[in-house]
Amino acid sequence: MKKTPIGHVACPVCDFPDAQVKEDKNGHAYIHCGDCNAQTFTRNEFRNGKLRGRMRAVTVTVTDDTVTVTAPEPVLVPVPKVQEKPVLMPPPAKKAGWLQPILAKG
C-alpha cells in the first residue's frame, strides 16, 4: 500500500527542500526523502507535533468530479558560507638519527 503525502519539509539529512511527510500506522508523521531515500520517524506526540508544525501541508480541492492536489512551492533559505581559518601546523620536529644516542654518551 502506497501512502499519500500529507505535506512537505526539507530533508534533515541532505537538505532536499521537498521531502514528503507521510503518516505511519499509528498516525505519527514521518519524513521520506525522495532524493537520498532517508526516513525520519517521530516516535511520540511531542515530536509529531513539531514535525507537523514545520511541514508545508498538501491541499486537496474537490470540484464536481475533479480532484486537484496542490503542494506549495518549497521555500529556499540561503545558507551563509562559513569562512574557515586555515589550520597552521607546526613544522615537523627533526628526528635524531640512529647515531645520535651514541654520540651523546661520548
C-alpha atoms as a PDB file:
ATOM      1  CA  MET A   1       0.000   0.000   0.000  1.00  0.00           C
ATOM      2  CA  LYS A   2       1.496   3.298  -1.100  1.00  0.00           C
ATOM      3  CA  LYS A   3       0.988   6.083   1.409  1.00  0.00           C
ATOM      4  CA  THR A   4      -0.004   9.517   0.185  1.00  0.00           C
ATOM      5  CA  PRO A   5       1.969  12.523   1.425  1.00  0.00           C
ATOM      6  CA  ILE A   6       0.304  14.896   3.870  1.00  0.00           C
ATOM      7  CA  GLY A   7       2.952  17.601   3.476  1.00  0.00           C
ATOM      8  CA  HIS A   8       6.486  18.527   2.526  1.00  0.00           C
ATOM      9  CA  VAL A   9       9.516  19.627   4.520  1.00  0.00           C
ATOM     10  CA  ALA A  10      13.274  19.984   3.970  1.00  0.00           C
ATOM     11  CA  CYS A  11      15.162  16.701   4.475  1.00  0.00           C
ATOM     12  CA  PRO A  12      17.212  16.735   7.695  1.00  0.00           C
ATOM     13  CA  VAL A  13      19.870  14.513   6.078  1.00  0.00           C
ATOM     14  CA  CYS A  14      20.555  16.074   2.652  1.00  0.00           C
ATOM     15  CA  ASP A  15      18.542  19.357   2.790  1.00  0.00           C
ATOM     16  CA  PHE A  16      16.414  18.341  -0.208  1.00  0.00           C
ATOM     17  CA  PRO A  17      13.679  21.018   0.003  1.00  0.00           C
ATOM     18  CA  ASP A  18      10.737  18.815  -0.990  1.00  0.00           C
ATOM     19  CA  ALA A  19      10.887  15.652   1.169  1.00  0.00           C
ATOM     20  CA  GLN A  20       7.471  14.100   1.725  1.00  0.00           C
ATOM     21  CA  VAL A  21       5.779  13.913   5.111  1.00  0.00           C
ATOM     22  CA  LYS A  22       3.579  10.809   5.470  1.00  0.00           C
ATOM     23  CA  GLU A  23       1.692   9.089   8.306  1.00  0.00           C
ATOM     24  CA  ASP A  24       2.654   5.707   9.759  1.00  0.00           C
ATOM     25  CA  LYS A  25       0.168   3.106  11.001  1.00  0.00           C
ATOM     26  CA  ASN A  26      -0.024   4.822  14.417  1.00  0.00           C
ATOM     27  CA  GLY A  27      -0.919   8.211  12.926  1.00  0.00           C
ATOM     28  CA  HIS A  28       2.508   9.733  13.577  1.00  0.00           C
ATOM     29  CA  ALA A  29       4.108  11.816  10.855  1.00  0.00           C
ATOM     30  CA  TYR A  30       7.426  10.759   9.331  1.00  0.00           C
ATOM     31  CA  ILE A  31       9.717  12.149   6.623  1.00  0.00           C
ATOM     32  CA  HIS A  32      10.585  10.218   3.478  1.00  0.00           C
ATOM     33  CA  CYS A  33      13.152  11.905   1.227  1.00  0.00           C
ATOM     34  CA  GLY A  34      12.913  11.106  -2.473  1.00  0.00           C
ATOM     35  CA  ASP A  35      16.472  12.346  -3.056  1.00  0.00           C
ATOM     36  CA  CYS A  36      18.589  10.422  -0.501  1.00  0.00           C
ATOM     37  CA  ASN A  37      15.864   7.878   0.436  1.00  0.00           C
ATOM     38  CA  ALA A  38      16.220   8.620   4.170  1.00  0.00           C
ATOM     39  CA  GLN A  39      13.299   8.044   6.523  1.00  0.00           C
ATOM     40  CA  THR A  40      12.986  10.011   9.761  1.00  0.00           C
ATOM     41  CA  PHE A  41      10.311   8.832  12.197  1.00  0.00           C
ATOM     42  CA  THR A  42       8.596  10.622  15.071  1.00  0.00           C
ATOM     43  CA  ARG A  43       8.057   8.266  17.995  1.00  0.00           C
ATOM     44  CA  ASN A  44       5.932  10.398  20.330  1.00  0.00           C
ATOM     45  CA  GLU A  45       3.300  13.145  20.277  1.00  0.00           C
ATOM     46  CA  PHE A  46       5.779  15.949  21.039  1.00  0.00           C
ATOM     47  CA  ARG A  47       7.980  15.189  18.008  1.00  0.00           C
ATOM     48  CA  ASN A  48       4.907  14.504  15.890  1.00  0.00           C
ATOM     49  CA  GLY A  49       3.570  17.980  16.708  1.00  0.00           C
ATOM     50  CA  LYS A  50       6.928  19.616  15.959  1.00  0.00           C
ATOM     51  CA  LEU A  51       7.152  17.968  12.530  1.00  0.00           C
ATOM     52  CA  ARG A  52       3.550  18.787  11.639  1.00  0.00           C
ATOM     53  CA  GLY A  53       4.212  22.409  12.635  1.00  0.00           C
ATOM     54  CA  ARG A  54       7.205  22.642  10.282  1.00  0.00           C
ATOM     55  CA  MET A  55       5.674  20.967   7.232  1.00  0.00           C
ATOM     56  CA  ARG A  56       4.013  22.656   4.278  1.00  0.00           C
ATOM     57  CA  ALA A  57       0.616  20.969   4.030  1.00  0.00           C
ATOM     58  CA  VAL A  58      -0.710  19.387   0.827  1.00  0.00           C
ATOM     59  CA  THR A  59      -4.078  20.861  -0.112  1.00  0.00           C
ATOM     60  CA  VAL A  60      -6.815  18.910  -1.879  1.00  0.00           C
ATOM     61  CA  THR A  61      -9.564  20.681  -3.832  1.00  0.00           C
ATOM     62  CA  VAL A  62     -12.656  18.722  -4.910  1.00  0.00           C
ATOM     63  CA  THR A  63     -14.959  20.274  -7.512  1.00  0.00           C
ATOM     64  CA  ASP A  64     -17.670  18.160  -9.152  1.00  0.00           C
ATOM     65  CA  ASP A  65     -15.799  15.107 -10.480  1.00  0.00           C
ATOM     66  CA  THR A  66     -12.322  16.674 -10.487  1.00  0.00           C
ATOM     67  CA  VAL A  67      -9.805  16.316  -7.669  1.00  0.00           C
ATOM     68  CA  THR A  68      -6.864  18.716  -7.678  1.00  0.00           C
ATOM     69  CA  VAL A  69      -3.904  18.144  -5.356  1.00  0.00           C
ATOM     70  CA  THR A  70      -1.535  21.061  -4.984  1.00  0.00           C
ATOM     71  CA  ALA A  71       1.570  21.353  -2.903  1.00  0.00           C
ATOM     72  CA  PRO A  72       3.028  24.740  -2.041  1.00  0.00           C
ATOM     73  CA  GLU A  73       6.338  25.730  -3.558  1.00  0.00           C
ATOM     74  CA  PRO A  74       9.311  24.928  -1.328  1.00  0.00           C
ATOM     75  CA  VAL A  75      10.844  27.877   0.448  1.00  0.00           C
ATOM     76  CA  LEU A  76      14.556  28.012  -0.205  1.00  0.00           C
ATOM     77  CA  VAL A  77      16.559  29.617   2.566  1.00  0.00           C
ATOM     78  CA  PRO A  78      20.059  30.773   1.630  1.00  0.00           C
ATOM     79  CA  VAL A  79      22.752  29.160   3.727  1.00  0.00           C
ATOM     80  CA  PRO A  80      25.549  31.567   4.666  1.00  0.00           C
ATOM     81  CA  LYS A  81      29.012  30.463   3.665  1.00  0.00           C
ATOM     82  CA  VAL A  82      31.314  29.865   6.580  1.00  0.00           C
ATOM     83  CA  GLN A  83      34.834  31.189   6.189  1.00  0.00           C
ATOM     84  CA  GLU A  84      37.132  28.687   7.812  1.00  0.00           C
ATOM     85  CA  LYS A  85      40.512  29.801   9.050  1.00  0.00           C
ATOM     86  CA  PRO A  86      43.377  27.725   7.698  1.00  0.00           C
ATOM     87  CA  VAL A  87      44.928  25.470  10.286  1.00  0.00           C
ATOM     88  CA  LEU A  88      48.631  26.150  10.563  1.00  0.00           C
ATOM     89  CA  MET A  89      50.580  23.076  11.504  1.00  0.00           C
ATOM     90  CA  PRO A  90      53.882  23.482  13.343  1.00  0.00           C
ATOM     91  CA  PRO A  91      56.930  22.383  11.373  1.00  0.00           C
ATOM     92  CA  PRO A  92      57.824  18.767  11.984  1.00  0.00           C
ATOM     93  CA  ALA A  93      60.453  18.241  14.667  1.00  0.00           C
ATOM     94  CA  LYS A  94      63.776  16.942  13.438  1.00  0.00           C
ATOM     95  CA  LYS A  95      64.222  13.327  14.300  1.00  0.00           C
ATOM     96  CA  ALA A  96      67.523  12.289  15.701  1.00  0.00           C
ATOM     97  CA  GLY A  97      69.370   9.781  13.602  1.00  0.00           C
ATOM     98  CA  TRP A  98      70.348   6.355  14.838  1.00  0.00           C
ATOM     99  CA  LEU A  99      73.853   7.596  15.634  1.00  0.00           C
ATOM    100  CA  GLN A 100      72.733  10.493  17.881  1.00  0.00           C
ATOM    101  CA  PRO A 101      72.349   8.442  21.141  1.00  0.00           C
ATOM    102  CA  ILE A 102      75.847   7.014  20.727  1.00  0.00           C
ATOM    103  CA  LEU A 103      77.397  10.431  20.131  1.00  0.00           C
ATOM    104  CA  ALA A 104      75.570  11.910  23.139  1.00  0.00           C
ATOM    105  CA  LYS A 105      77.218   9.349  25.507  1.00  0.00           C
ATOM    106  CA  GLY A 106      80.758  10.033  24.416  1.00  0.00           C
END
